[in-house]
Amino acid sequence: MTCAWAAHPEGIRSSFRTWCGETEQPRELAEQALAHVNPNRGEAAYMRSDLFERRRELMEAWSDYLLQPSGQLSVD
């Protein structure tokens, strides 16, 4: 994955979302981590959890990925 996003917040968000897809993170978890609103009002009405602990683990994995030494970034 190319990391040419350093100066653009939307590039960071896009890189995060791409990483989530490449590492097979659950879509709903990735979207909630990005604070996206579920457009399906029926589904959103029944979602009672903020998935806080799972989002914390996801962000820790993202942090570990970003803190790898230069040249060693991989999605496996």
Protein backbone atom coordinates (compact mmCIF):
# COMPACT_ATOMS: atom_id res chain seq x y z
CA MET A 1 0.00 0.00 0.00
CA THR A 2 1.35 3.43 -0.91
CA CYS A 3 1.49 6.01 1.89
CA ALA A 4 1.46 9.29 -0.07
CA TRP A 5 -1.09 10.80 2.31
CA ALA A 6 1.02 12.52 4.92
CA ALA A 7 -0.35 16.05 4.44
CA HIS A 8 -4.03 15.27 3.87
CA PRO A 9 -6.48 14.10 6.59
CA GLU A 10 -8.77 12.49 4.02
CA GLY A 11 -5.78 10.56 2.68
CA ILE A 12 -5.11 9.19 6.16
CA ARG A 13 -8.75 8.14 6.51
CA SER A 14 -8.65 6.57 3.05
CA SER A 15 -5.43 4.72 3.87
CA PHE A 16 -7.00 3.43 7.09
CA ARG A 17 -10.10 2.22 5.26
CA THR A 18 -7.96 0.52 2.58
CA TRP A 19 -5.87 -1.17 5.29
CA CYS A 20 -9.05 -2.39 6.98
CA GLY A 21 -10.21 -3.97 3.72
CA GLU A 22 -6.82 -5.52 3.00
CA THR A 23 -6.56 -6.99 6.50
CA GLU A 24 -10.17 -8.25 6.40
CA GLN A 25 -11.42 -6.10 9.27
CA PRO A 26 -15.24 -6.17 9.61
CA ARG A 27 -16.78 -3.46 7.43
CA GLU A 28 -19.15 -2.20 10.13
CA LEU A 29 -16.25 -1.86 12.57
CA ALA A 30 -14.15 0.12 10.09
CA GLU A 31 -17.06 2.40 9.23
CA GLN A 32 -17.85 3.03 12.88
CA ALA A 33 -14.18 3.76 13.61
CA LEU A 34 -14.37 6.44 10.90
CA ALA A 35 -17.53 7.82 12.58
CA HIS A 36 -19.60 7.15 9.48
CA VAL A 37 -23.36 7.16 10.01
CA ASN A 38 -25.24 4.05 8.91
CA PRO A 39 -27.56 5.23 6.10
CA ASN A 40 -29.89 2.27 6.70
CA ARG A 41 -32.19 3.77 9.34
CA GLY A 42 -33.77 0.43 10.21
CA GLU A 43 -30.42 -1.24 10.80
CA ALA A 44 -29.06 1.79 12.66
CA ALA A 45 -32.07 1.81 15.00
CA TYR A 46 -31.21 -1.67 16.27
CA MET A 47 -27.45 -1.13 16.62
CA ARG A 48 -27.13 -0.45 20.36
CA SER A 49 -23.38 -0.95 20.81
CA ASP A 50 -20.62 1.52 20.10
CA LEU A 51 -18.19 -1.43 19.69
CA PHE A 52 -15.74 0.54 21.82
CA GLU A 53 -13.44 -2.33 22.84
CA ARG A 54 -13.33 -3.75 19.30
CA ARG A 55 -12.61 -0.28 17.87
CA ARG A 56 -9.83 0.20 20.44
CA GLU A 57 -8.24 -3.09 19.34
CA LEU A 58 -8.62 -2.09 15.69
CA MET A 59 -6.93 1.26 16.27
CA GLU A 60 -4.12 -0.43 18.20
CA ALA A 61 -3.52 -2.77 15.24
CA TRP A 62 -3.55 0.26 12.88
CA SER A 63 -1.03 2.01 15.14
CA ASP A 64 1.22 -1.07 15.17
CA TYR A 65 1.04 -1.14 11.36
CA LEU A 66 2.00 2.53 11.07
CA LEU A 67 4.87 2.25 13.54
CA GLN A 68 6.65 -0.49 11.58
CA PRO A 69 10.13 0.57 10.43
CA SER A 70 10.16 2.20 7.00
CA GLY A 71 10.30 -0.35 4.21
CA GLN A 72 8.72 -3.08 6.29
CA LEU A 73 5.03 -2.16 5.88
CA SER A 74 2.94 -5.12 4.82
CA VAL A 75 -0.70 -6.14 5.12
CA ASP A 76 -0.13 -9.75 6.20
